[in-house]
C-alpha atoms as a PDB file:
ATOM      1  CA  MET A   1      95.146  76.444 113.887  1.00  0.00           C
ATOM      2  CA  PHE A   2      95.192  80.218 115.048  1.00  0.00           C
ATOM      3  CA  LEU A   3      98.776  80.686 113.920  1.00  0.00           C
ATOM      4  CA  ARG A   4      97.949  79.495 110.412  1.00  0.00           C
ATOM      5  CA  TRP A   5      94.908  81.792 110.408  1.00  0.00           C
ATOM      6  CA  PHE A   6      96.811  84.734 111.329  1.00  0.00           C
ATOM      7  CA  LEU A   7      99.607  83.751 108.890  1.00  0.00           C
ATOM      8  CA  SER A   8      96.818  83.633 106.153  1.00  0.00           C
ATOM      9  CA  ILE A   9      95.608  87.156 107.080  1.00  0.00           C
ATOM     10  CA  PHE A  10      99.335  88.696 107.233  1.00  0.00           C
ATOM     11  CA  LEU A  11      99.963  87.128 103.828  1.00  0.00           C
ATOM     12  CA  ASN A  12      96.717  88.297 102.274  1.00  0.00           C
ATOM     13  CA  ALA A  13      97.465  91.791 103.480  1.00  0.00           C
ATOM     14  CA  VAL A  14     100.890  91.433 101.854  1.00  0.00           C
ATOM     15  CA  ALA A  15      98.794  90.660  98.659  1.00  0.00           C
ATOM     16  CA  LEU A  16      96.440  93.708  99.168  1.00  0.00           C
ATOM     17  CA  ILE A  17      99.482  96.066  99.707  1.00  0.00           C
ATOM     18  CA  ILE A  18     100.976  94.712  96.518  1.00  0.00           C
ATOM     19  CA  VAL A  19      98.054  95.146  94.476  1.00  0.00           C
ATOM     20  CA  ALA A  20      97.524  98.855  96.064  1.00  0.00           C
ATOM     21  CA  GLN A  21     101.020  99.618  94.570  1.00  0.00           C
ATOM     22  CA  PHE A  22     100.368  98.328  91.167  1.00  0.00           C
ATOM     23  CA  PHE A  23      96.661  99.624  90.562  1.00  0.00           C
ATOM     24  CA  GLY A  24      95.927 103.292  90.455  1.00  0.00           C
ATOM     25  CA  ASN A  25      92.179 102.592  91.332  1.00  0.00           C
ATOM     26  CA  PHE A  26      92.877 100.364  94.233  1.00  0.00           C
ATOM     27  CA  HIS A  27      94.022 102.676  97.291  1.00  0.00           C
ATOM     28  CA  MET A  28      95.183 101.467 100.950  1.00  0.00           C
ATOM     29  CA  GLU A  29      95.947 103.590 103.133  1.00  0.00           C
ATOM     30  CA  SER A  30      98.689 101.593 105.229  1.00  0.00           C
ATOM     31  CA  PHE A  31      99.684  98.079 106.148  1.00  0.00           C
ATOM     32  CA  GLY A  32      97.802  98.295 109.195  1.00  0.00           C
ATOM     33  CA  THR A  33      94.578  98.997 107.027  1.00  0.00           C
ATOM     34  CA  ALA A  34      95.580  96.128 104.822  1.00  0.00           C
ATOM     35  CA  LEU A  35      95.795  93.842 107.975  1.00  0.00           C
ATOM     36  CA  ILE A  36      92.075  95.139 109.148  1.00  0.00           C
ATOM     37  CA  ALA A  37      90.953  94.590 105.352  1.00  0.00           C
ATOM     38  CA  SER A  38      92.439  91.331 105.297  1.00  0.00           C
ATOM     39  CA  PHE A  39      90.467  90.350 108.676  1.00  0.00           C
ATOM     40  CA  ILE A  40      87.455  91.532 107.610  1.00  0.00           C
ATOM     41  CA  LEU A  41      87.784  89.666 104.226  1.00  0.00           C
ATOM     42  CA  SER A  42      88.415  86.288 106.032  1.00  0.00           C
ATOM     43  CA  ILE A  43      85.301  86.910 108.043  1.00  0.00           C
ATOM     44  CA  LEU A  44      83.195  87.621 104.963  1.00  0.00           C
ATOM     45  CA  ASN A  45      85.033  84.491 103.310  1.00  0.00           C
ATOM     46  CA  VAL A  46      83.932  82.516 106.239  1.00  0.00           C
ATOM     47  CA  PHE A  47      80.123  83.394 106.413  1.00  0.00           C
ATOM     48  CA  ILE A  48      79.000  85.336 103.326  1.00  0.00           C
ATOM     49  CA  LYS A  49      81.095  83.685 100.395  1.00  0.00           C
ATOM     50  CA  PRO A  50      79.573  80.268 100.887  1.00  0.00           C
ATOM     51  CA  ILE A  51      76.024  81.504 100.547  1.00  0.00           C
ATOM     52  CA  LEU A  52      77.116  83.429  97.473  1.00  0.00           C
ATOM     53  CA  VAL A  53      78.635  80.332  96.005  1.00  0.00           C
ATOM     54  CA  PHE A  54      75.475  78.373  96.748  1.00  0.00           C
ATOM     55  CA  PHE A  55      73.090  80.790  94.667  1.00  0.00           C
ATOM     56  CA  THR A  56      75.624  81.249  92.187  1.00  0.00           C
ATOM     57  CA  LEU A  57      76.326  77.511  91.825  1.00  0.00           C
ATOM     58  CA  PRO A  58      74.606  77.102  88.093  1.00  0.00           C
ATOM     59  CA  ILE A  59      76.370  79.798  86.574  1.00  0.00           C
ATOM     60  CA  THR A  60      79.729  78.849  88.438  1.00  0.00           C
ATOM     61  CA  LEU A  61      79.542  75.559  87.031  1.00  0.00           C
ATOM     62  CA  LEU A  62      78.725  76.870  83.585  1.00  0.00           C
ATOM     63  CA  THR A  63      81.787  79.150  83.638  1.00  0.00           C
ATOM     64  CA  LEU A  64      84.028  76.147  84.864  1.00  0.00           C
ATOM     65  CA  GLY A  65      84.712  78.044  88.136  1.00  0.00           C
ATOM     66  CA  LEU A  66      85.708  81.418  86.791  1.00  0.00           C
ATOM     67  CA  PHE A  67      82.794  83.102  88.406  1.00  0.00           C
ATOM     68  CA  LEU A  68      84.505  82.661  91.670  1.00  0.00           C
ATOM     69  CA  PHE A  69      86.424  85.506  90.785  1.00  0.00           C
ATOM     70  CA  VAL A  70      83.129  87.712  90.523  1.00  0.00           C
ATOM     71  CA  ILE A  71      82.590  86.696  93.950  1.00  0.00           C
ATOM     72  CA  ASN A  72      85.710  87.415  95.154  1.00  0.00           C
ATOM     73  CA  ALA A  73      85.441  90.770  93.507  1.00  0.00           C
ATOM     74  CA  ALA A  74      82.166  91.168  95.351  1.00  0.00           C
ATOM     75  CA  THR A  75      83.571  90.377  98.690  1.00  0.00           C
ATOM     76  CA  LEU A  76      86.520  92.765  98.105  1.00  0.00           C
ATOM     77  CA  MET A  77      83.778  95.610  97.354  1.00  0.00           C
ATOM     78  CA  ILE A  78      81.903  94.702 100.455  1.00  0.00           C
ATOM     79  CA  THR A  79      85.130  94.990 102.486  1.00  0.00           C
ATOM     80  CA  GLN A  80      86.088  98.258 101.217  1.00  0.00           C
ATOM     81  CA  SER A  81      82.458  99.713 101.769  1.00  0.00           C
ATOM     82  CA  VAL A  82      82.886  98.628 105.430  1.00  0.00           C
ATOM     83  CA  MET A  83      86.298  99.892 105.564  1.00  0.00           C
ATOM     84  CA  GLY A  84      85.248 103.454 104.458  1.00  0.00           C
ATOM     85  CA  SER A  85      87.738 106.082 103.050  1.00  0.00           C
ATOM     86  CA  SER A  86      90.874 104.082 104.152  1.00  0.00           C
ATOM     87  CA  PHE A  87      90.277 101.301 101.618  1.00  0.00           C
ATOM     88  CA  VAL A  88      88.899 102.540  98.272  1.00  0.00           C
ATOM     89  CA  ILE A  89      88.419 100.406  95.181  1.00  0.00           C
ATOM     90  CA  GLU A  90      87.095 102.500  92.215  1.00  0.00           C
ATOM     91  CA  GLY A  91      84.962 100.520  90.082  1.00  0.00           C
ATOM     92  CA  PHE A  92      84.094  96.690  89.983  1.00  0.00           C
ATOM     93  CA  GLY A  93      86.307  96.152  87.095  1.00  0.00           C
ATOM     94  CA  THR A  94      89.252  96.841  89.183  1.00  0.00           C
ATOM     95  CA  ALA A  95      88.013  94.785  92.083  1.00  0.00           C
ATOM     96  CA  LEU A  96      87.423  92.032  89.445  1.00  0.00           C
ATOM     97  CA  ILE A  97      91.137  92.259  88.250  1.00  0.00           C
ATOM     98  CA  ALA A  98      92.543  92.849  91.779  1.00  0.00           C
ATOM     99  CA  ALA A  99      90.528  89.511  92.893  1.00  0.00           C
ATOM    100  CA  ILE A 100      92.293  87.485  90.169  1.00  0.00           C
ATOM    101  CA  VAL A 101      95.748  89.079  91.057  1.00  0.00           C
ATOM    102  CA  ILE A 102      95.029  88.647  94.784  1.00  0.00           C
ATOM    103  CA  SER A 103      94.487  84.929  94.148  1.00  0.00           C
ATOM    104  CA  ILE A 104      97.701  84.268  92.363  1.00  0.00           C
ATOM    105  CA  LEU A 105      99.565  86.572  94.676  1.00  0.00           C
ATOM    106  CA  ASN A 106      98.017  84.269  97.793  1.00  0.00           C
ATOM    107  CA  VAL A 107      98.942  80.939  96.132  1.00  0.00           C
ATOM    108  CA  ILE A 108     102.625  82.071  95.508  1.00  0.00           C
ATOM    109  CA  LEU A 109     103.023  83.649  98.901  1.00  0.00           C
ATOM    110  CA  ASN A 110     101.387  80.800 100.536  1.00  0.00           C
ATOM    111  CA  ARG A 111     103.833  78.127  98.705  1.00  0.00           C
ATOM    112  CA  VAL A 112     106.816  80.155  99.478  1.00  0.00           C
ATOM    113  CA  VAL A 113     105.793  80.210 103.015  1.00  0.00           C
ATOM    114  CA  ALA A 114     104.843  76.711 103.264  1.00  0.00           C
ATOM    115  CA  ASP A 115     108.096  75.779 101.715  1.00  0.00           C
ATOM    116  CA  THR A 116     109.908  77.914 104.235  1.00  0.00           C
ATOM    117  CA  VAL A 117     108.032  76.537 107.442  1.00  0.00           C
ATOM    118  CA  THR A 118     108.229  72.816 106.646  1.00  0.00           C
ATOM    119  CA  ARG A 119     112.052  72.985 106.045  1.00  0.00           C
END
């Protein structure tokens, strides 16, 4: 269980670094910073995200789940505010696009690693 959680944090950190390389308004100091940000993001996803999903359930249902990307962007913004100057996202629009790209990258990375681990 913990190994899967650590692997998830590591893969999320890889996705954060990839996004930081592609977007000029998304700054990440190092891979260590990405690991810390990924850890904070996982804590926020456990405690804060369910509350946000509950309170925004009507709009989430109305948008057929697309509003979840806005919630993911909000948790990214909270993470960058906790991290300070080592992790900076310049604008909510960048956070929204980054949340979409990170979600896609996480699906791809998890499938690649899951296929490798199960063989």
